[in-house]
Structures are given as C-alpha cells and as structure tokens.
C-alpha cells in the first residue's frame, strides 16, 4: 500500500479543508502530508496542531529567509518538509537545504506541473534529477498516470512518488494503485 497520505487543505483552489487531516489520521495509520500553499510561519504550527506529520513548502512561493524559518520551525515540531521545486534555477538555489536544519526532516519534491501554464511534463523530473546528489531524498510529483511513468521515474533514481489526481479520478483507487506499483 501507500507509504503516506497527501491531504489537500487549501479551500479556495482545491476545495480542501484543514479538518481532513484529522479525519484521515483517524482512518489510517500512515503519515499525513498537508498539501497547501503555506506562505506564513503560523501555518507550520497550525499544520502540527491539525495532526500533520509533514508539510509542503513551495520554494518559488517563499523568500529564502522565510523558507529557512519555516524549515527550522518544522524540524522543531518534528514535521518533515517536502520542499517543492519546479525549475532548475530554484533547485540549484535550495538543494543545500535538504537535510537543513536537521538531517531527515526534509526531502526534495520535483513537480512536473508548470505552475504558470499548468502543463505537465514528466521529463522535468528526469532533467532535474541529474542535479540531485542524494536520490533517496527525491520525490516526483504530478502527472504520473501509468506503470511506464513510474518505471521511467525509477530509472532516473526517484525513490518516492506523490500521486493525487490519477488515483482520485479512477473509479477503483486500489486497483489503480496496484496497476501503477504492482503491489
């Protein structure tokens, strides 16, 4: 099965709710990632209070100082950070933050969706993975629809994959999961 559950909590754009974290926590015994536009330090504390084990921080949405402050707060709260990037220039600027401020409290996410055009290109991860030294701390995000997509990402060293839309839109989530991962 899955290794963690990603929960959309943004209400405006994704019809999520913060309460979903607690509801999911009660239903499954897996780590829960809060997936939202976290742009203020208080949201890090709010995430832990809501029961999240991890948070998504989008590097392009934050100034370097804000990002570091949020990562420090997250580590103090024992929240793992999924540090998401979309472009090579951003990756080069933040890759040294993986493992900051404490080893094991952050991983790098490469989002295959261009947030400007909303187009998805799996080659984004393939290209940017070459710039990542420790592939064990790498998560591919968005646009993974087939077993071939999963295998392609594995071939470039990706060890973790965040899949949302593909599973949610399938009439049988468990069947689609098995199709993607063969387990």
N, C-alpha and C. Protein backbone atom coordinates (compact mmCIF):
# COMPACT_ATOMS: atom_id res chain seq x y z
N UNK A 1 0.80 -1.19 0.00
CA UNK A 1 0.00 0.00 0.00
C UNK A 1 0.84 1.25 0.00
N UNK A 2 0.19 2.34 0.21
CA UNK A 2 0.83 3.65 0.23
C UNK A 2 1.72 3.79 1.46
N UNK A 3 2.72 4.66 1.36
CA UNK A 3 3.62 4.92 2.48
C UNK A 3 3.20 6.16 3.27
N UNK A 4 2.36 6.99 2.69
CA UNK A 4 1.86 8.21 3.33
C UNK A 4 0.63 8.68 2.56
N UNK A 5 -0.10 9.61 3.17
CA UNK A 5 -1.29 10.18 2.54
C UNK A 5 -1.09 11.69 2.43
N UNK A 6 -1.28 12.22 1.22
CA UNK A 6 -1.22 13.65 0.97
C UNK A 6 -2.64 14.20 1.03
N UNK A 7 -2.82 15.26 1.83
CA UNK A 7 -4.15 15.82 2.05
C UNK A 7 -4.18 17.28 1.61
N UNK A 8 -5.02 17.58 0.63
CA UNK A 8 -5.22 18.97 0.21
C UNK A 8 -6.03 19.70 1.28
N UNK A 9 -5.49 20.81 1.76
CA UNK A 9 -6.23 21.58 2.76
C UNK A 9 -6.58 22.98 2.28
N UNK A 10 -6.12 23.36 1.10
CA UNK A 10 -6.46 24.66 0.54
C UNK A 10 -7.92 24.66 0.12
N UNK A 11 -8.70 25.58 0.70
CA UNK A 11 -10.14 25.63 0.40
C UNK A 11 -10.44 26.36 -0.90
N UNK A 12 -9.74 27.47 -1.15
CA UNK A 12 -10.08 28.33 -2.27
C UNK A 12 -9.89 27.65 -3.63
N UNK A 13 -8.77 27.00 -3.84
CA UNK A 13 -8.47 26.44 -5.16
C UNK A 13 -8.72 24.94 -5.28
N UNK A 14 -8.66 24.22 -4.15
CA UNK A 14 -8.75 22.76 -4.23
C UNK A 14 -9.88 22.16 -3.39
N UNK A 15 -10.72 23.00 -2.82
CA UNK A 15 -11.86 22.56 -2.01
C UNK A 15 -11.43 21.64 -0.87
N UNK A 16 -10.22 21.86 -0.38
CA UNK A 16 -9.73 21.09 0.76
C UNK A 16 -10.17 21.73 2.06
N UNK A 17 -9.88 21.05 3.15
CA UNK A 17 -10.20 21.57 4.48
C UNK A 17 -9.14 21.06 5.45
N UNK A 18 -8.76 21.90 6.39
CA UNK A 18 -7.78 21.51 7.40
C UNK A 18 -8.26 20.31 8.21
N UNK A 19 -9.56 20.23 8.42
CA UNK A 19 -10.14 19.14 9.22
C UNK A 19 -9.91 17.77 8.58
N UNK A 20 -9.66 17.75 7.27
CA UNK A 20 -9.44 16.47 6.59
C UNK A 20 -8.23 15.73 7.17
N UNK A 21 -7.24 16.48 7.64
CA UNK A 21 -6.05 15.85 8.21
C UNK A 21 -6.44 14.95 9.36
N UNK A 22 -7.20 15.48 10.29
CA UNK A 22 -7.61 14.70 11.46
C UNK A 22 -8.51 13.54 11.08
N UNK A 23 -9.41 13.77 10.13
CA UNK A 23 -10.29 12.69 9.67
C UNK A 23 -9.49 11.54 9.07
N UNK A 24 -8.51 11.86 8.27
CA UNK A 24 -7.68 10.82 7.66
C UNK A 24 -6.80 10.15 8.70
N UNK A 25 -6.27 10.93 9.62
CA UNK A 25 -5.44 10.38 10.69
C UNK A 25 -6.20 9.31 11.48
N UNK A 26 -7.49 9.56 11.71
CA UNK A 26 -8.31 8.58 12.45
C UNK A 26 -8.61 7.34 11.61
N UNK A 27 -8.60 7.48 10.29
CA UNK A 27 -8.98 6.37 9.40
C UNK A 27 -7.81 5.46 9.02
N UNK A 28 -6.60 6.00 8.95
CA UNK A 28 -5.44 5.20 8.53
C UNK A 28 -4.26 5.44 9.45
N UNK A 29 -3.38 4.46 9.50
CA UNK A 29 -2.19 4.56 10.33
C UNK A 29 -0.97 4.82 9.44
N UNK A 30 -1.00 5.97 8.77
CA UNK A 30 0.08 6.38 7.88
C UNK A 30 0.42 7.85 8.15
N UNK A 31 1.65 8.26 7.86
CA UNK A 31 1.98 9.67 7.96
C UNK A 31 1.10 10.50 7.02
N UNK A 32 0.78 11.73 7.46
CA UNK A 32 -0.10 12.61 6.69
C UNK A 32 0.66 13.88 6.31
N UNK A 33 0.65 14.18 5.00
CA UNK A 33 1.26 15.38 4.45
C UNK A 33 0.19 16.43 4.23
N UNK A 34 0.39 17.62 4.78
CA UNK A 34 -0.51 18.74 4.50
C UNK A 34 -0.05 19.40 3.20
N UNK A 35 -0.90 19.35 2.19
CA UNK A 35 -0.59 19.94 0.89
C UNK A 35 -1.43 21.20 0.75
N UNK A 36 -0.76 22.33 0.81
CA UNK A 36 -1.43 23.62 0.81
C UNK A 36 -0.42 24.67 0.34
N UNK A 37 -0.89 25.88 0.18
CA UNK A 37 0.00 27.00 -0.11
C UNK A 37 0.42 27.59 1.23
N UNK A 38 1.46 27.06 1.81
CA UNK A 38 1.94 27.53 3.11
C UNK A 38 2.87 28.71 2.86
N UNK A 39 2.39 29.88 3.26
CA UNK A 39 3.13 31.11 2.98
C UNK A 39 3.42 31.92 4.24
N UNK A 40 2.98 31.42 5.39
CA UNK A 40 3.17 32.13 6.64
C UNK A 40 3.61 31.14 7.72
N UNK A 41 4.49 31.57 8.58
CA UNK A 41 5.04 30.71 9.62
C UNK A 41 3.96 30.09 10.51
N UNK A 42 2.89 30.83 10.78
CA UNK A 42 1.84 30.29 11.65
C UNK A 42 1.22 29.03 11.06
N UNK A 43 1.23 28.92 9.72
CA UNK A 43 0.65 27.73 9.09
C UNK A 43 1.46 26.46 9.40
N UNK A 44 2.75 26.62 9.68
CA UNK A 44 3.57 25.47 10.07
C UNK A 44 3.06 24.95 11.41
N UNK A 45 2.85 25.85 12.37
CA UNK A 45 2.33 25.46 13.68
C UNK A 45 0.91 24.91 13.57
N UNK A 46 0.11 25.55 12.74
CA UNK A 46 -1.26 25.10 12.50
C UNK A 46 -1.27 23.67 11.95
N UNK A 47 -0.33 23.37 11.10
CA UNK A 47 -0.24 22.03 10.50
C UNK A 47 0.01 20.97 11.56
N UNK A 48 0.95 21.24 12.46
CA UNK A 48 1.22 20.28 13.53
C UNK A 48 0.01 20.15 14.44
N UNK A 49 -0.61 21.27 14.78
CA UNK A 49 -1.79 21.24 15.66
C UNK A 49 -2.93 20.45 15.02
N UNK A 50 -3.01 20.48 13.70
CA UNK A 50 -4.07 19.75 12.99
C UNK A 50 -3.77 18.26 12.85
N UNK A 51 -2.54 17.87 13.20
CA UNK A 51 -2.18 16.46 13.16
C UNK A 51 -1.30 16.03 12.00
N UNK A 52 -0.81 16.98 11.21
CA UNK A 52 0.05 16.63 10.08
C UNK A 52 1.41 16.13 10.56
N UNK A 53 1.99 15.23 9.78
CA UNK A 53 3.35 14.74 10.03
C UNK A 53 4.35 15.44 9.12
N UNK A 54 3.84 16.02 8.04
CA UNK A 54 4.70 16.66 7.04
C UNK A 54 3.94 17.81 6.39
N UNK A 55 4.70 18.74 5.83
CA UNK A 55 4.10 19.88 5.13
C UNK A 55 4.80 20.08 3.79
N UNK A 56 4.07 20.66 2.86
CA UNK A 56 4.61 21.03 1.56
C UNK A 56 5.02 22.50 1.62
N UNK A 57 6.26 22.79 1.27
CA UNK A 57 6.71 24.17 1.11
C UNK A 57 7.15 24.34 -0.34
N UNK A 58 6.55 25.29 -1.03
CA UNK A 58 6.87 25.55 -2.43
C UNK A 58 7.95 26.62 -2.48
N UNK A 59 9.15 26.23 -2.88
CA UNK A 59 10.31 27.13 -2.84
C UNK A 59 10.07 28.42 -3.61
N UNK A 60 9.43 28.33 -4.78
CA UNK A 60 9.21 29.52 -5.59
C UNK A 60 8.23 30.51 -4.96
N UNK A 61 7.47 30.07 -3.97
CA UNK A 61 6.48 30.94 -3.34
C UNK A 61 7.02 31.66 -2.10
N UNK A 62 8.25 31.34 -1.72
CA UNK A 62 8.80 31.88 -0.47
C UNK A 62 10.15 32.54 -0.70
N UNK A 63 10.42 33.57 0.10
CA UNK A 63 11.75 34.18 0.10
C UNK A 63 12.68 33.23 0.85
N UNK A 64 13.99 33.26 0.55
CA UNK A 64 14.91 32.33 1.21
C UNK A 64 14.84 32.36 2.74
N UNK A 65 14.75 33.55 3.32
CA UNK A 65 14.67 33.66 4.78
C UNK A 65 13.40 33.05 5.34
N UNK A 66 12.29 33.27 4.64
CA UNK A 66 11.01 32.67 5.06
C UNK A 66 11.09 31.15 5.00
N UNK A 67 11.66 30.66 3.93
CA UNK A 67 11.78 29.22 3.75
C UNK A 67 12.61 28.60 4.88
N UNK A 68 13.73 29.22 5.19
CA UNK A 68 14.59 28.70 6.27
C UNK A 68 13.88 28.76 7.61
N UNK A 69 13.19 29.86 7.90
CA UNK A 69 12.45 29.97 9.16
C UNK A 69 11.40 28.87 9.28
N UNK A 70 10.70 28.60 8.19
CA UNK A 70 9.66 27.57 8.21
C UNK A 70 10.28 26.18 8.37
N UNK A 71 11.42 25.95 7.74
CA UNK A 71 12.07 24.65 7.86
C UNK A 71 12.59 24.43 9.28
N UNK A 72 13.10 25.47 9.90
CA UNK A 72 13.56 25.37 11.29
C UNK A 72 12.38 25.07 12.21
N UNK A 73 11.29 25.82 12.04
CA UNK A 73 10.09 25.58 12.87
C UNK A 73 9.56 24.17 12.66
N UNK A 74 9.53 23.72 11.42
CA UNK A 74 9.04 22.37 11.13
C UNK A 74 9.88 21.32 11.84
N UNK A 75 11.19 21.46 11.77
CA UNK A 75 12.07 20.49 12.43
C UNK A 75 11.86 20.50 13.94
N UNK A 76 11.69 21.69 14.52
CA UNK A 76 11.43 21.79 15.97
C UNK A 76 10.13 21.10 16.35
N UNK A 77 9.17 21.08 15.43
CA UNK A 77 7.87 20.44 15.66
C UNK A 77 7.85 18.99 15.17
N UNK A 78 9.00 18.49 14.75
CA UNK A 78 9.15 17.15 14.15
C UNK A 78 8.22 16.95 12.95
N UNK A 79 8.07 17.98 12.16
CA UNK A 79 7.36 17.90 10.88
C UNK A 79 8.38 17.74 9.76
N UNK A 80 8.16 16.80 8.89
CA UNK A 80 9.01 16.66 7.70
C UNK A 80 8.56 17.69 6.67
N UNK A 81 9.51 18.25 5.96
CA UNK A 81 9.21 19.21 4.89
C UNK A 81 9.41 18.54 3.54
N UNK A 82 8.39 18.61 2.70
CA UNK A 82 8.52 18.28 1.29
C UNK A 82 8.77 19.61 0.59
N UNK A 83 10.03 19.86 0.25
CA UNK A 83 10.44 21.12 -0.36
C UNK A 83 10.29 21.00 -1.87
N UNK A 84 9.29 21.67 -2.40
CA UNK A 84 8.92 21.51 -3.81
C UNK A 84 9.55 22.57 -4.69
N UNK A 85 10.09 22.09 -5.82
CA UNK A 85 10.63 23.00 -6.83
C UNK A 85 10.04 22.63 -8.19
N UNK A 86 10.17 23.56 -9.12
CA UNK A 86 9.64 23.35 -10.47
C UNK A 86 10.66 23.64 -11.56
N UNK A 87 11.74 24.34 -11.17
CA UNK A 87 12.71 24.81 -12.16
C UNK A 87 14.15 24.52 -11.70
N UNK A 88 15.04 24.43 -12.67
CA UNK A 88 16.45 24.16 -12.37
C UNK A 88 17.08 25.26 -11.53
N UNK A 89 16.79 26.52 -11.84
CA UNK A 89 17.41 27.61 -11.08
C UNK A 89 17.00 27.56 -9.62
N UNK A 90 15.75 27.21 -9.35
CA UNK A 90 15.31 27.09 -7.96
C UNK A 90 15.99 25.91 -7.29
N UNK A 91 16.06 24.79 -7.99
CA UNK A 91 16.73 23.62 -7.44
C UNK A 91 18.16 23.94 -7.04
N UNK A 92 18.89 24.62 -7.90
CA UNK A 92 20.27 24.97 -7.59
C UNK A 92 20.36 25.87 -6.37
N UNK A 93 19.35 26.70 -6.16
CA UNK A 93 19.35 27.60 -5.02
C UNK A 93 18.97 26.96 -3.70
N UNK A 94 18.21 25.86 -3.74
CA UNK A 94 17.70 25.28 -2.49
C UNK A 94 18.21 23.88 -2.18
N UNK A 95 18.92 23.25 -3.09
CA UNK A 95 19.29 21.85 -2.84
C UNK A 95 20.15 21.68 -1.60
N UNK A 96 20.88 22.72 -1.20
CA UNK A 96 21.68 22.62 0.03
C UNK A 96 20.80 22.62 1.28
N UNK A 97 19.52 22.98 1.13
CA UNK A 97 18.62 22.99 2.29
C UNK A 97 18.07 21.61 2.63
N UNK A 98 18.25 20.63 1.74
CA UNK A 98 17.79 19.28 2.06
C UNK A 98 18.67 18.76 3.19
N UNK A 99 18.04 18.38 4.28
CA UNK A 99 18.78 18.00 5.47
C UNK A 99 18.93 19.15 6.46
N UNK A 100 18.45 20.33 6.09
CA UNK A 100 18.51 21.51 6.96
C UNK A 100 17.21 21.62 7.73
N UNK A 101 17.19 22.01 8.98
CA UNK A 101 18.32 22.20 9.88
C UNK A 101 18.78 20.90 10.54
N UNK A 102 18.00 19.83 10.36
CA UNK A 102 18.37 18.52 10.93
C UNK A 102 18.20 17.47 9.84
N UNK A 103 19.16 16.58 9.76
CA UNK A 103 19.07 15.50 8.77
C UNK A 103 17.80 14.69 9.00
N UNK A 104 17.13 14.37 7.91
CA UNK A 104 15.94 13.54 7.99
C UNK A 104 14.63 14.29 8.08
N UNK A 105 14.69 15.62 8.14
CA UNK A 105 13.45 16.40 8.26
C UNK A 105 13.04 17.11 6.98
N UNK A 106 13.72 16.81 5.88
CA UNK A 106 13.30 17.43 4.62
C UNK A 106 13.67 16.52 3.44
N UNK A 107 12.80 16.57 2.44
CA UNK A 107 13.04 15.87 1.18
C UNK A 107 12.71 16.84 0.05
N UNK A 108 13.27 16.57 -1.11
CA UNK A 108 13.09 17.45 -2.26
C UNK A 108 12.01 16.89 -3.17
N UNK A 109 11.03 17.71 -3.51
CA UNK A 109 10.00 17.32 -4.45
C UNK A 109 10.16 18.06 -5.77
N UNK A 110 10.15 17.32 -6.87
CA UNK A 110 10.18 17.94 -8.19
C UNK A 110 8.78 17.82 -8.78
N UNK A 111 8.13 18.96 -8.97
CA UNK A 111 6.78 18.97 -9.52
C UNK A 111 6.86 19.04 -11.04
N UNK A 112 6.26 18.07 -11.70
CA UNK A 112 6.27 18.02 -13.16
C UNK A 112 5.28 18.98 -13.80
N UNK A 113 4.46 19.63 -12.98
CA UNK A 113 3.48 20.58 -13.50
C UNK A 113 4.08 21.99 -13.50
N UNK A 114 4.05 22.62 -14.65
CA UNK A 114 4.48 24.01 -14.77
C UNK A 114 3.35 24.85 -14.17
N UNK A 115 3.63 25.54 -13.09
CA UNK A 115 2.57 26.27 -12.39
C UNK A 115 2.10 27.51 -13.14
N UNK A 116 2.83 27.92 -14.16
CA UNK A 116 2.39 29.05 -14.97
C UNK A 116 1.41 28.59 -16.04
N UNK A 117 1.76 27.51 -16.74
CA UNK A 117 0.91 27.03 -17.84
C UNK A 117 0.00 25.87 -17.43
N UNK A 118 0.29 25.25 -16.29
CA UNK A 118 -0.40 24.06 -15.76
C UNK A 118 -0.16 22.82 -16.62
N UNK A 119 0.76 22.90 -17.58
CA UNK A 119 1.12 21.75 -18.41
C UNK A 119 2.00 20.81 -17.59
N UNK A 120 1.89 19.51 -17.87
CA UNK A 120 2.67 18.50 -17.16
C UNK A 120 3.67 17.88 -18.12
N UNK A 121 4.92 17.75 -17.64
CA UNK A 121 5.97 17.12 -18.44
C UNK A 121 6.83 16.27 -17.51
N UNK A 122 6.69 14.94 -17.62
CA UNK A 122 7.47 14.04 -16.76
C UNK A 122 8.97 14.19 -16.97
N UNK A 123 9.37 14.73 -18.09
CA UNK A 123 10.79 14.95 -18.33
C UNK A 123 11.38 15.99 -17.39
N UNK A 124 10.53 16.78 -16.74
CA UNK A 124 11.02 17.74 -15.75
C UNK A 124 11.80 17.01 -14.67
N UNK A 125 11.22 15.96 -14.11
CA UNK A 125 11.93 15.19 -13.09
C UNK A 125 13.17 14.54 -13.67
N UNK A 126 13.06 13.97 -14.85
CA UNK A 126 14.22 13.32 -15.47
C UNK A 126 15.38 14.30 -15.63
N UNK A 127 15.10 15.51 -16.08
CA UNK A 127 16.15 16.52 -16.27
C UNK A 127 16.73 16.99 -14.95
N UNK A 128 15.84 17.33 -14.00
CA UNK A 128 16.31 17.92 -12.76
C UNK A 128 16.93 16.90 -11.81
N UNK A 129 16.55 15.65 -11.92
CA UNK A 129 17.12 14.61 -11.04
C UNK A 129 18.63 14.51 -11.22
N UNK A 130 19.12 14.86 -12.41
CA UNK A 130 20.56 14.83 -12.65
C UNK A 130 21.31 15.80 -11.74
N UNK A 131 20.62 16.83 -11.24
CA UNK A 131 21.25 17.83 -10.38
C UNK A 131 21.16 17.48 -8.90
N UNK A 132 20.56 16.34 -8.58
CA UNK A 132 20.34 15.94 -7.19
C UNK A 132 21.33 14.84 -6.83
N UNK A 133 22.13 15.08 -5.79
CA UNK A 133 23.13 14.09 -5.38
C UNK A 133 22.50 12.88 -4.71
N UNK A 134 21.64 13.12 -3.72
CA UNK A 134 21.05 12.02 -2.96
C UNK A 134 19.63 11.76 -3.44
N UNK A 135 19.48 10.79 -4.31
CA UNK A 135 18.16 10.48 -4.89
C UNK A 135 17.21 9.88 -3.85
N UNK A 136 17.75 9.39 -2.71
CA UNK A 136 16.88 8.85 -1.66
C UNK A 136 16.02 9.93 -1.04
N UNK A 137 16.38 11.18 -1.25
CA UNK A 137 15.63 12.30 -0.70
C UNK A 137 14.85 13.03 -1.80
N UNK A 138 14.47 12.29 -2.84
CA UNK A 138 13.82 12.89 -4.01
C UNK A 138 12.43 12.31 -4.22
N UNK A 139 11.45 13.20 -4.41
CA UNK A 139 10.06 12.81 -4.65
C UNK A 139 9.63 13.42 -5.99
N UNK A 140 9.06 12.59 -6.85
CA UNK A 140 8.49 13.09 -8.11
C UNK A 140 7.01 13.38 -7.88
N UNK A 141 6.55 14.51 -8.39
CA UNK A 141 5.17 14.93 -8.17
C UNK A 141 4.49 15.28 -9.50
N UNK A 142 3.23 14.95 -9.60
CA UNK A 142 2.32 15.37 -10.67
C UNK A 142 2.53 14.64 -12.00
N UNK A 143 1.40 14.28 -12.58
CA UNK A 143 1.40 13.74 -13.93
C UNK A 143 1.74 12.27 -14.08
N UNK A 144 1.85 11.55 -12.98
CA UNK A 144 2.19 10.13 -13.05
C UNK A 144 0.88 9.37 -13.24
N UNK A 145 0.73 8.75 -14.42
CA UNK A 145 -0.55 8.12 -14.76
C UNK A 145 -0.46 6.63 -15.06
N UNK A 146 0.73 6.15 -15.41
CA UNK A 146 0.85 4.75 -15.84
C UNK A 146 2.04 4.07 -15.16
N UNK A 147 2.05 2.76 -15.27
CA UNK A 147 3.19 1.98 -14.75
C UNK A 147 4.47 2.40 -15.49
N UNK A 148 4.36 2.69 -16.78
CA UNK A 148 5.52 3.14 -17.55
C UNK A 148 6.07 4.45 -16.99
N UNK A 149 5.19 5.35 -16.55
CA UNK A 149 5.63 6.61 -15.93
C UNK A 149 6.42 6.31 -14.66
N UNK A 150 5.90 5.41 -13.83
CA UNK A 150 6.57 5.03 -12.58
C UNK A 150 7.94 4.45 -12.90
N UNK A 151 8.01 3.56 -13.85
CA UNK A 151 9.28 2.92 -14.22
C UNK A 151 10.27 3.93 -14.77
N UNK A 152 9.79 4.88 -15.57
CA UNK A 152 10.66 5.93 -16.11
C UNK A 152 11.29 6.73 -14.97
N UNK A 153 10.48 7.09 -13.98
CA UNK A 153 10.98 7.87 -12.85
C UNK A 153 11.96 7.06 -12.02
N UNK A 154 11.67 5.79 -11.81
CA UNK A 154 12.59 4.92 -11.07
C UNK A 154 13.93 4.83 -11.79
N UNK A 155 13.90 4.84 -13.12
CA UNK A 155 15.13 4.69 -13.90
C UNK A 155 16.08 5.89 -13.74
N UNK A 156 15.55 7.04 -13.32
CA UNK A 156 16.41 8.21 -13.08
C UNK A 156 16.72 8.39 -11.60
N UNK A 157 16.37 7.38 -10.79
CA UNK A 157 16.75 7.39 -9.39
C UNK A 157 15.69 7.82 -8.41
N UNK A 158 14.50 8.13 -8.88
CA UNK A 158 13.42 8.54 -7.97
C UNK A 158 13.01 7.36 -7.10
N UNK A 159 12.89 7.59 -5.80
CA UNK A 159 12.51 6.55 -4.85
C UNK A 159 11.10 6.74 -4.27
N UNK A 160 10.55 7.95 -4.44
CA UNK A 160 9.22 8.23 -3.90
C UNK A 160 8.43 9.04 -4.92
N UNK A 161 7.13 8.78 -4.96
CA UNK A 161 6.26 9.42 -5.94
C UNK A 161 5.00 9.90 -5.24
N UNK A 162 4.61 11.15 -5.51
CA UNK A 162 3.37 11.69 -4.97
C UNK A 162 2.34 11.65 -6.10
N UNK A 163 1.30 10.88 -5.88
CA UNK A 163 0.24 10.75 -6.89
C UNK A 163 -1.08 11.17 -6.25
N UNK A 164 -1.77 12.08 -6.89
CA UNK A 164 -3.06 12.54 -6.37
C UNK A 164 -4.17 12.37 -7.37
N UNK A 165 -4.16 13.21 -8.37
CA UNK A 165 -5.24 13.28 -9.34
C UNK A 165 -5.49 11.94 -10.03
N UNK A 166 -4.43 11.25 -10.42
CA UNK A 166 -4.58 9.97 -11.12
C UNK A 166 -5.36 8.97 -10.28
N UNK A 167 -5.07 8.90 -8.98
CA UNK A 167 -5.79 7.98 -8.11
C UNK A 167 -7.20 8.46 -7.83
N UNK A 168 -7.33 9.74 -7.55
CA UNK A 168 -8.65 10.27 -7.17
C UNK A 168 -9.67 10.21 -8.31
N UNK A 169 -9.20 10.28 -9.54
CA UNK A 169 -10.13 10.26 -10.68
C UNK A 169 -10.47 8.85 -11.14
N UNK A 170 -9.78 7.85 -10.60
CA UNK A 170 -10.04 6.46 -11.02
C UNK A 170 -11.20 5.89 -10.20
N UNK A 171 -12.10 5.14 -10.82
CA UNK A 171 -13.25 4.59 -10.09
C UNK A 171 -12.86 3.57 -9.02
N UNK A 172 -11.69 2.94 -9.15
CA UNK A 172 -11.23 1.96 -8.16
C UNK A 172 -9.79 2.32 -7.79
N UNK A 173 -9.64 3.09 -6.71
CA UNK A 173 -8.33 3.59 -6.30
C UNK A 173 -7.36 2.45 -6.03
N UNK A 174 -7.81 1.44 -5.34
CA UNK A 174 -6.94 0.31 -5.01
C UNK A 174 -6.44 -0.39 -6.28
N UNK A 175 -7.33 -0.59 -7.22
CA UNK A 175 -6.96 -1.23 -8.49
C UNK A 175 -5.93 -0.38 -9.24
N UNK A 176 -6.14 0.93 -9.28
CA UNK A 176 -5.20 1.82 -9.97
C UNK A 176 -3.84 1.81 -9.27
N UNK A 177 -3.85 1.78 -7.94
CA UNK A 177 -2.60 1.72 -7.18
C UNK A 177 -1.81 0.48 -7.57
N UNK A 178 -2.49 -0.67 -7.59
CA UNK A 178 -1.83 -1.92 -7.97
C UNK A 178 -1.32 -1.87 -9.41
N UNK A 179 -2.09 -1.24 -10.29
CA UNK A 179 -1.66 -1.08 -11.68
C UNK A 179 -0.37 -0.27 -11.77
N UNK A 180 -0.29 0.80 -10.98
CA UNK A 180 0.88 1.67 -11.01
C UNK A 180 2.12 1.03 -10.40
N UNK A 181 1.92 0.34 -9.27
CA UNK A 181 3.07 -0.13 -8.49
C UNK A 181 3.24 -1.64 -8.45
N UNK A 182 2.25 -2.38 -8.91
CA UNK A 182 2.36 -3.82 -8.90
C UNK A 182 2.43 -4.43 -7.52
N UNK A 183 1.89 -3.71 -6.54
CA UNK A 183 1.86 -4.26 -5.18
C UNK A 183 0.54 -3.98 -4.53
